[in-house]
């Protein structure tokens, strides 16, 4: 059996008596790319935040690289690089200054800042203020900060939002590079064509529940559907997907 880096067992999340996530079970193999797919209100962000340790489950258990948040928060957090779907940068802060701040928090050498800026194609914008950047450029800064500490697990919430076609392709290339270096990637998306292209394993979420999981080839065989969004629609028993967002 392949080595797993993430194990999610019987996880629920309830806020103000509303069940956002129900009985999620997930096992992620080390060195894989996993796409969490679904439309608006599917529960993707909630699941990612719980795995990242930002939000705690109401019930169930989450283990990352053999660490549990309740038992060892520091070791748990060191396993993860987290990219949120959006972030309000402090006005006046440059890309290099923002990344230097995060690097200091994580005790990462300053030289790593220039490395990740180059990886995401922003080395020539290092002195520019982030609040002036486009949505896609801000996404690339957030991608860079998640990679700062070379974490075993990279968690990314809707990372392709705002990216132009060139950087959409670069995103796929970067994830493949990260995987080739032995890291694991878990990302959410409503753009199923991206998951189809890059993910080793796909999980369909809807209304906080798991409606199916497997490889892209598994879904093609099960539903005879191509592309992946057709299999998603069939798994839910619908002909179209409403609310194509997180």
Protein backbone atom coordinates (compact mmCIF):
# COMPACT_ATOMS: atom_id res chain seq x y z
CA UNK A 1 0.00 0.00 0.00
CA UNK A 2 1.33 3.42 -0.96
CA UNK A 3 2.45 5.78 1.78
CA UNK A 4 -0.19 8.38 2.71
CA UNK A 5 0.64 11.87 3.90
CA UNK A 6 -2.94 12.96 4.70
CA UNK A 7 -5.68 10.94 6.35
CA UNK A 8 -9.14 12.43 6.92
CA UNK A 9 -11.51 10.15 8.84
CA UNK A 10 -15.21 10.83 9.43
CA UNK A 11 -14.87 14.62 9.42
CA UNK A 12 -17.87 16.90 9.95
CA UNK A 13 -17.99 20.66 10.29
CA UNK A 14 -20.98 22.40 11.87
CA UNK A 15 -21.28 26.18 12.32
CA UNK A 16 -24.39 27.72 13.92
CA UNK A 17 -26.23 24.40 13.55
CA UNK A 18 -25.49 24.33 9.81
CA UNK A 19 -23.55 21.28 8.63
CA UNK A 20 -21.00 22.55 6.11
CA UNK A 21 -19.18 19.23 5.69
CA UNK A 22 -20.47 15.76 6.46
CA UNK A 23 -18.57 12.49 6.93
CA UNK A 24 -15.57 13.29 4.74
CA UNK A 25 -13.03 10.48 4.43
CA UNK A 26 -9.92 11.07 2.39
CA UNK A 27 -6.53 9.46 1.99
CA UNK A 28 -3.86 11.31 0.03
CA UNK A 29 -0.77 9.49 -1.18
CA UNK A 30 2.62 11.09 -0.71
CA UNK A 31 4.00 12.68 -3.87
CA UNK A 32 0.62 13.01 -5.59
CA UNK A 33 -1.48 15.89 -6.91
CA UNK A 34 -5.10 15.79 -5.73
CA UNK A 35 -7.87 18.03 -7.05
CA UNK A 36 -10.87 18.84 -4.87
CA UNK A 37 -13.62 19.73 -7.34
CA UNK A 38 -17.07 21.22 -6.97
CA UNK A 39 -19.26 24.27 -7.41
CA UNK A 40 -20.42 27.03 -5.09
CA UNK A 41 -21.04 25.87 -1.52
CA UNK A 42 -19.58 22.43 -2.17
CA UNK A 43 -17.41 22.60 0.97
CA UNK A 44 -14.04 22.67 -0.78
CA UNK A 45 -12.60 25.61 1.16
CA UNK A 46 -13.89 24.25 4.46
CA UNK A 47 -12.19 20.90 3.87
CA UNK A 48 -8.91 22.57 2.89
CA UNK A 49 -8.93 24.89 5.91
CA UNK A 50 -9.49 21.95 8.24
CA UNK A 51 -6.63 19.97 6.70
CA UNK A 52 -4.43 23.09 6.95
CA UNK A 53 -5.28 23.46 10.65
CA UNK A 54 -6.92 26.86 10.19
CA UNK A 55 -10.35 25.50 11.09
CA UNK A 56 -11.00 22.58 13.42
CA UNK A 57 -13.48 19.81 12.59
CA UNK A 58 -16.60 19.39 14.71
CA UNK A 59 -16.13 15.63 14.52
CA UNK A 60 -13.58 13.25 13.04
CA UNK A 61 -9.81 13.19 12.81
CA UNK A 62 -7.18 14.66 10.47
CA UNK A 63 -3.56 13.50 10.33
CA UNK A 64 -0.86 15.18 8.23
CA UNK A 65 2.48 13.42 7.91
CA UNK A 66 1.68 11.46 11.11
CA UNK A 67 0.96 14.65 13.08
CA UNK A 68 -2.36 15.77 14.58
CA UNK A 69 -3.21 19.40 15.23
CA UNK A 70 -4.56 18.78 18.73
CA UNK A 71 -1.45 16.90 19.85
CA UNK A 72 1.33 18.93 18.23
CA UNK A 73 0.28 22.14 16.51
CA UNK A 74 3.82 23.29 15.73
CA UNK A 75 4.88 20.06 14.02
CA UNK A 76 1.52 19.87 12.25
CA UNK A 77 1.83 23.40 10.81
CA UNK A 78 5.41 22.79 9.67
CA UNK A 79 4.18 20.11 7.29
CA UNK A 80 1.99 22.52 5.33
CA UNK A 81 2.26 25.43 2.94
CA UNK A 82 -1.15 27.07 2.53
CA UNK A 83 -2.31 29.33 -0.29
CA UNK A 84 -5.66 31.02 0.46
CA UNK A 85 -8.07 31.94 -2.32
CA UNK A 86 -7.48 35.64 -1.60
CA UNK A 87 -5.57 37.89 0.78
CA UNK A 88 -5.68 41.60 1.56
CA UNK A 89 -2.09 42.81 1.38
CA UNK A 90 -1.04 45.80 3.46
CA UNK A 91 -0.90 48.90 1.23
CA UNK A 92 2.67 49.97 0.53
CA UNK A 93 4.15 46.50 1.03
CA UNK A 94 6.26 45.28 -1.89
CA UNK A 95 6.29 41.68 -3.12
CA UNK A 96 9.76 41.13 -1.65
CA UNK A 97 8.80 42.71 1.69
CA UNK A 98 5.67 40.56 1.99
CA UNK A 99 7.62 37.39 1.27
CA UNK A 100 10.45 38.44 3.60
CA UNK A 101 7.92 38.83 6.41
CA UNK A 102 6.56 35.32 5.83
CA UNK A 103 10.09 33.94 5.49
CA UNK A 104 11.04 35.41 8.88
CA UNK A 105 7.97 33.87 10.50
CA UNK A 106 8.95 30.47 9.14
CA UNK A 107 12.66 30.93 9.82
CA UNK A 108 13.40 30.52 6.12
CA UNK A 109 16.64 32.05 4.71
CA UNK A 110 16.14 35.40 2.99
CA UNK A 111 17.70 33.94 -0.17
CA UNK A 112 14.60 31.78 -0.57
CA UNK A 113 12.54 34.93 -1.27
CA UNK A 114 14.38 35.56 -4.53
CA UNK A 115 14.10 31.88 -5.45
CA UNK A 116 10.31 31.75 -5.15
CA UNK A 117 9.87 35.12 -6.88
CA UNK A 118 11.78 33.72 -9.83
CA UNK A 119 9.74 30.50 -9.79
CA UNK A 120 6.48 32.46 -10.13
CA UNK A 121 7.90 34.93 -12.64
CA UNK A 122 7.82 38.01 -10.42
CA UNK A 123 11.53 38.64 -9.92
CA UNK A 124 11.29 41.89 -11.92
CA UNK A 125 8.34 43.00 -9.77
CA UNK A 126 9.98 42.36 -6.39
CA UNK A 127 10.06 46.11 -5.57
CA UNK A 128 6.50 46.79 -6.69
CA UNK A 129 3.69 47.26 -4.19
CA UNK A 130 1.47 44.18 -4.09
CA UNK A 131 -1.79 46.08 -3.68
CA UNK A 132 -1.25 47.46 -7.22
CA UNK A 133 -0.97 43.97 -8.72
CA UNK A 134 -3.66 42.28 -10.78
CA UNK A 135 -5.60 39.37 -9.28
CA UNK A 136 -3.42 36.89 -11.16
CA UNK A 137 -0.19 38.50 -9.94
CA UNK A 138 -1.43 38.47 -6.34
CA UNK A 139 -2.22 34.79 -6.78
CA UNK A 140 1.38 34.23 -7.82
CA UNK A 141 2.66 36.04 -4.70
CA UNK A 142 0.45 33.78 -2.57
CA UNK A 143 1.73 30.75 -4.47
CA UNK A 144 5.29 31.90 -3.75
CA UNK A 145 4.67 32.29 -0.01
CA UNK A 146 3.17 28.80 0.19
CA UNK A 147 6.37 27.38 -1.34
CA UNK A 148 8.77 29.32 0.90
CA UNK A 149 9.46 26.54 3.38
CA UNK A 150 9.46 23.69 0.83
CA UNK A 151 6.66 21.97 2.80
CA UNK A 152 5.86 18.27 2.35
CA UNK A 153 2.22 19.25 1.69
CA UNK A 154 1.10 22.23 -0.38
CA UNK A 155 -2.59 23.18 0.05
CA UNK A 156 -4.03 25.64 -2.47
CA UNK A 157 -7.54 27.12 -2.50
CA UNK A 158 -8.70 28.02 -6.04
CA UNK A 159 -5.10 28.79 -7.12
CA UNK A 160 -5.90 29.42 -10.80
CA UNK A 161 -8.43 32.23 -10.22
CA UNK A 162 -7.31 35.29 -12.15
CA UNK A 163 -4.45 33.61 -14.00
CA UNK A 164 -4.05 34.37 -17.69
CA UNK A 165 -3.69 31.47 -20.18
CA UNK A 166 0.12 31.56 -20.06
CA UNK A 167 0.23 31.31 -16.26
CA UNK A 168 -2.51 28.70 -16.27
CA UNK A 169 -0.09 26.51 -18.24
CA UNK A 170 2.77 27.54 -15.98
CA UNK A 171 0.71 26.57 -12.96
CA UNK A 172 0.35 23.06 -14.34
CA UNK A 173 4.09 22.92 -15.01
CA UNK A 174 4.93 24.16 -11.50
CA UNK A 175 2.70 21.58 -9.85
CA UNK A 176 4.34 18.85 -11.89
CA UNK A 177 7.76 20.17 -10.83
CA UNK A 178 6.72 20.19 -7.15
CA UNK A 179 5.46 16.62 -7.45
CA UNK A 180 8.70 15.51 -9.14
CA UNK A 181 10.58 16.81 -6.08
CA UNK A 182 8.57 14.50 -3.84
CA UNK A 183 6.07 17.03 -2.47
CA UNK A 184 2.31 16.52 -2.30
CA UNK A 185 -0.25 19.01 -3.63
CA UNK A 186 -3.91 19.33 -2.65
CA UNK A 187 -5.83 22.04 -4.47
CA UNK A 188 -9.46 23.05 -4.93
CA UNK A 189 -10.95 24.19 -8.21
CA UNK A 190 -14.19 24.72 -10.05
CA UNK A 191 -12.20 24.57 -13.30
CA UNK A 192 -12.40 20.85 -13.90
CA UNK A 193 -10.27 21.07 -17.04
CA UNK A 194 -7.31 22.01 -14.80
CA UNK A 195 -7.92 19.05 -12.51
CA UNK A 196 -8.23 16.82 -15.55
CA UNK A 197 -4.87 17.97 -16.86
CA UNK A 198 -2.75 17.86 -13.71
CA UNK A 199 -4.39 15.81 -10.94
CA UNK A 200 -3.41 12.22 -10.18
CA UNK A 201 -6.59 11.87 -8.15
CA UNK A 202 -9.86 13.80 -8.12
CA UNK A 203 -12.52 14.20 -5.42
CA UNK A 204 -16.02 15.47 -6.28
CA UNK A 205 -17.72 17.49 -3.53
CA UNK A 206 -21.27 18.80 -3.47
CA UNK A 207 -23.20 20.26 -0.51
CA UNK A 208 -20.42 19.21 1.86
CA UNK A 209 -20.43 15.56 0.83
CA UNK A 210 -18.11 13.36 -1.19
CA UNK A 211 -19.91 12.32 -4.38
CA UNK A 212 -17.05 10.30 -5.83
CA UNK A 213 -13.30 10.03 -6.07
CA UNK A 214 -10.68 8.36 -8.20
CA UNK A 215 -8.36 8.95 -11.13
CA UNK A 216 -9.57 10.74 -14.24
CA UNK A 217 -9.45 7.42 -16.06
CA UNK A 218 -11.63 5.87 -13.33
CA UNK A 219 -14.35 8.45 -13.97
CA UNK A 220 -14.14 7.98 -17.73
CA UNK A 221 -14.61 4.25 -17.31
CA UNK A 222 -17.42 4.66 -14.78
CA UNK A 223 -19.44 7.27 -16.64
CA UNK A 224 -18.10 7.03 -20.17
CA UNK A 225 -17.72 10.79 -19.88
CA UNK A 226 -15.17 13.08 -21.43
CA UNK A 227 -14.25 15.75 -20.37
CA UNK A 228 -14.21 15.48 -16.58
CA UNK A 229 -17.00 17.98 -15.94
CA UNK A 230 -19.41 15.64 -17.73
CA UNK A 231 -18.54 12.88 -15.25
CA UNK A 232 -19.05 15.35 -12.40
CA UNK A 233 -22.50 16.25 -13.65
CA UNK A 234 -23.43 12.60 -14.05
CA UNK A 235 -22.19 11.73 -10.57
CA UNK A 236 -24.61 14.33 -9.17
CA UNK A 237 -27.40 13.27 -11.51
CA UNK A 238 -27.66 16.70 -13.11
CA UNK A 239 -27.22 18.11 -16.59
CA UNK A 240 -25.47 21.34 -15.62
CA UNK A 241 -23.44 22.64 -12.70
CA UNK A 242 -24.76 25.79 -11.04
CA UNK A 243 -22.55 28.31 -9.31
CA UNK A 244 -19.18 27.65 -10.86
CA UNK A 245 -17.12 28.98 -7.96
CA UNK A 246 -15.68 27.73 -4.73
